[in-house]
Amino acid sequence: MKRQSSMVSESVLIEKLNQRDQRAFHWLYDQYSPALYGVVLRIVRDEEQAQDLLQDIFIKIWKNLDAYDAQKGRLFTWMLNVARNTAIDALRSRKTQPASAIRTDEENVHIVDRQHNTEQPNPEHIGVKEVVSQLRPERRELIDLVYFNGYTHEEAAEALNMPLGTVKTRIRAALQELKQLFKS
């Protein structure tokens, strides 16, 4: 399930991004925005907010690219964590607003501009869910909670009544397994 690329290797892409090559950044956005949008939407459950957050996420990626360390993982994994953390932060800040500031679903109006094809595919449409479904059940459950539902490691440990260390170990193992599955 390798990503089709008209661009060059990830190391060359990162080099171009560090040189502030806007074409490389546009390519990065085109290739990864659907996947990141899907993850953000699963966490915040609001299309308009997810679209706004996606823009914020790519600004953070552009401004903080020097924080990416290729020794710690792939660029997509780093971007996924930026997206997930941004969405969780937005969700938490929304929880701290007074009740009168929170709109109900009946008050929300979602307008989709079909002429400009603004709908973004979610992870199910790009195959991420299919790959995650290949994980062992205990690992899959944690990935679903943490990456698709926005739980922190601590919240997942509490929800599953399991030690935090076990949660972190299983998530790390699941990510390693996913890395291998995506390579094949």
Protein backbone atom coordinates (compact mmCIF):
# COMPACT_ATOMS: atom_id res chain seq x y z
CA MET A 1 0.00 0.00 0.00
CA LYS A 2 2.72 2.43 -0.96
CA ARG A 3 1.79 6.01 -1.76
CA GLN A 4 2.08 6.85 -5.44
CA SER A 5 4.48 9.69 -5.87
CA SER A 6 5.49 11.96 -8.69
CA MET A 7 7.78 13.59 -6.16
CA VAL A 8 11.12 12.23 -4.97
CA SER A 9 12.11 10.34 -1.85
CA GLU A 10 11.04 11.48 1.60
CA SER A 11 14.54 12.72 2.44
CA VAL A 12 14.62 14.90 -0.69
CA LEU A 13 11.09 16.13 0.07
CA ILE A 14 12.16 17.11 3.59
CA GLU A 15 15.22 18.86 2.20
CA LYS A 16 13.04 20.85 -0.22
CA LEU A 17 10.60 21.70 2.58
CA ASN A 18 13.48 22.91 4.76
CA GLN A 19 14.53 25.13 1.85
CA ARG A 20 10.97 26.52 1.93
CA ASP A 21 10.16 25.19 -1.53
CA GLN A 22 6.47 26.06 -1.95
CA ARG A 23 5.93 23.46 -4.69
CA ALA A 24 7.08 20.75 -2.29
CA PHE A 25 4.72 22.09 0.35
CA HIS A 26 1.80 22.13 -2.09
CA TRP A 27 2.61 18.54 -3.02
CA LEU A 28 2.75 17.62 0.68
CA TYR A 29 -0.65 19.24 1.24
CA ASP A 30 -2.20 17.53 -1.77
CA GLN A 31 -0.90 14.12 -0.74
CA TYR A 32 -1.58 14.20 3.00
CA SER A 33 -4.45 16.61 3.66
CA PRO A 34 -7.19 13.99 3.03
CA ALA A 35 -5.72 11.58 5.59
CA LEU A 36 -5.08 14.30 8.18
CA TYR A 37 -8.55 15.77 7.63
CA GLY A 38 -10.10 12.36 8.23
CA VAL A 39 -8.28 11.94 11.53
CA VAL A 40 -9.17 15.46 12.68
CA LEU A 41 -12.82 15.02 11.68
CA ARG A 42 -13.04 11.78 13.67
CA ILE A 43 -11.81 13.66 16.75
CA VAL A 44 -13.74 16.95 16.55
CA ARG A 45 -16.81 15.59 14.70
CA ASP A 46 -17.51 18.93 13.03
CA GLU A 47 -16.67 19.45 9.34
CA GLU A 48 -16.22 23.22 9.51
CA GLN A 49 -13.97 23.02 12.55
CA ALA A 50 -12.00 20.15 11.00
CA GLN A 51 -11.41 22.22 7.84
CA ASP A 52 -10.25 25.20 9.92
CA LEU A 53 -7.99 22.98 12.00
CA LEU A 54 -6.51 21.41 8.88
CA GLN A 55 -5.31 24.83 7.77
CA ASP A 56 -3.84 25.48 11.24
CA ILE A 57 -2.14 22.09 11.15
CA PHE A 58 -0.39 22.75 7.86
CA ILE A 59 0.72 26.17 9.10
CA LYS A 60 2.19 24.45 12.18
CA ILE A 61 3.88 21.87 9.96
CA TRP A 62 5.36 24.62 7.76
CA LYS A 63 6.55 26.72 10.71
CA ASN A 64 7.84 23.81 12.82
CA LEU A 65 9.36 21.54 10.21
CA ASP A 66 12.72 21.87 11.95
CA ALA A 67 11.16 20.01 14.92
CA TYR A 68 10.75 16.90 12.74
CA ASP A 69 13.41 14.27 13.42
CA ALA A 70 13.75 11.60 10.74
CA GLN A 71 15.51 9.35 13.27
CA LYS A 72 12.31 9.13 15.32
CA GLY A 73 9.95 8.20 12.49
CA ARG A 74 8.50 9.03 9.12
CA LEU A 75 7.29 12.48 8.16
CA PHE A 76 3.68 11.29 7.88
CA THR A 77 3.76 9.93 11.45
CA TRP A 78 5.05 13.28 12.73
CA MET A 79 2.38 15.15 10.76
CA LEU A 80 -0.29 12.77 12.06
CA ASN A 81 0.76 13.54 15.62
CA VAL A 82 0.67 17.30 14.92
CA ALA A 83 -2.85 16.88 13.52
CA ARG A 84 -4.05 14.66 16.36
CA ASN A 85 -2.64 16.93 19.07
CA THR A 86 -4.09 20.04 17.44
CA ALA A 87 -7.53 18.42 17.20
CA ILE A 88 -7.42 17.22 20.81
CA ASP A 89 -6.36 20.69 21.98
CA ALA A 90 -9.28 22.22 20.07
CA LEU A 91 -11.67 19.69 21.55
CA ARG A 92 -10.43 20.40 25.08
CA SER A 93 -10.65 24.16 24.64
CA ARG A 94 -14.22 23.73 23.38
CA LYS A 95 -15.06 21.81 26.57
CA THR A 96 -13.89 24.74 28.70
CA GLN A 97 -16.24 27.21 26.99
CA PRO A 98 -19.40 28.19 28.86
CA ALA A 99 -22.47 26.14 27.90
CA SER A 100 -24.05 29.14 26.18
CA ALA A 101 -21.10 29.33 23.76
CA ILE A 102 -21.47 25.73 22.60
CA ARG A 103 -23.77 25.21 19.65
CA THR A 104 -25.96 22.15 19.39
CA ASP A 105 -26.17 20.01 16.27
CA GLU A 106 -29.52 21.63 15.42
CA GLU A 107 -27.84 25.06 15.38
CA ASN A 108 -24.97 23.96 13.16
CA VAL A 109 -25.41 24.40 9.46
CA HIS A 110 -23.03 22.54 7.21
CA ILE A 111 -22.81 23.79 3.64
CA VAL A 112 -20.76 21.68 1.29
CA ASP A 113 -19.66 23.43 -1.86
CA ARG A 114 -20.01 20.56 -4.31
CA GLN A 115 -18.86 22.72 -7.24
CA HIS A 116 -15.40 23.04 -5.72
CA ASN A 117 -15.33 19.48 -4.33
CA THR A 118 -14.54 20.53 -0.75
CA GLU A 119 -15.40 17.12 0.71
CA GLN A 120 -12.28 15.37 1.91
CA PRO A 121 -12.07 11.59 2.14
CA ASN A 122 -11.84 10.12 5.60
CA PRO A 123 -9.40 7.37 6.62
CA GLU A 124 -11.87 4.65 5.61
CA HIS A 125 -11.73 5.88 2.00
CA ILE A 126 -7.95 5.87 1.73
CA GLY A 127 -7.44 2.45 3.26
CA VAL A 128 -6.14 3.36 6.70
CA LYS A 129 -9.00 1.59 8.48
CA GLU A 130 -8.41 -1.56 6.44
CA VAL A 131 -4.75 -1.64 7.45
CA VAL A 132 -5.59 -0.93 11.11
CA SER A 133 -8.16 -3.75 11.02
CA GLN A 134 -5.26 -6.16 10.41
CA LEU A 135 -3.83 -5.45 13.87
CA ARG A 136 -4.39 -7.72 16.85
CA PRO A 137 -7.67 -6.80 18.60
CA GLU A 138 -6.00 -5.31 21.70
CA ARG A 139 -3.76 -3.11 19.55
CA ARG A 140 -6.55 -2.16 17.14
CA GLU A 141 -8.76 -1.07 20.05
CA LEU A 142 -6.04 1.25 21.36
CA ILE A 143 -5.32 2.76 17.92
CA ASP A 144 -9.06 3.38 17.47
CA LEU A 145 -9.31 5.11 20.84
CA VAL A 146 -6.15 7.18 20.61
CA TYR A 147 -5.81 8.07 16.93
CA PHE A 148 -9.37 7.98 15.65
CA ASN A 149 -11.35 9.01 18.74
CA GLY A 150 -8.89 11.47 20.25
CA TYR A 151 -8.26 9.80 23.59
CA THR A 152 -5.01 10.55 25.39
CA HIS A 153 -2.97 7.59 26.53
CA GLU A 154 -4.16 8.24 30.08
CA GLU A 155 -7.82 8.36 29.01
CA ALA A 156 -7.43 5.12 27.04
CA ALA A 157 -5.82 3.42 30.05
CA GLU A 158 -8.69 4.55 32.24
CA ALA A 159 -11.36 3.55 29.71
CA LEU A 160 -9.86 0.08 29.31
CA ASN A 161 -8.93 -0.28 32.99
CA MET A 162 -5.32 -1.05 32.13
CA PRO A 163 -1.97 0.31 33.35
CA LEU A 164 -0.66 3.34 31.47
CA GLY A 165 2.63 1.57 30.71
CA THR A 166 0.78 -1.31 29.07
CA VAL A 167 -1.20 1.14 26.93
CA LYS A 168 1.97 2.92 25.80
CA THR A 169 3.75 -0.36 25.06
CA ARG A 170 0.84 -1.71 23.01
CA ILE A 171 0.46 1.54 21.08
CA ARG A 172 4.19 1.56 20.30
CA ALA A 173 3.96 -2.07 19.13
CA ALA A 174 0.86 -1.27 17.07
CA LEU A 175 2.60 1.65 15.36
CA GLN A 176 5.60 -0.56 14.55
CA GLU A 177 3.25 -3.19 13.13
CA LEU A 178 1.39 -0.55 11.11
CA LYS A 179 4.70 0.71 9.75
CA GLN A 180 5.45 -2.78 8.45
CA LEU A 181 1.93 -3.18 7.03
CA PHE A 182 2.16 0.13 5.17
CA LYS A 183 5.51 -0.89 3.67
CA SER A 184 4.07 -4.09 2.26
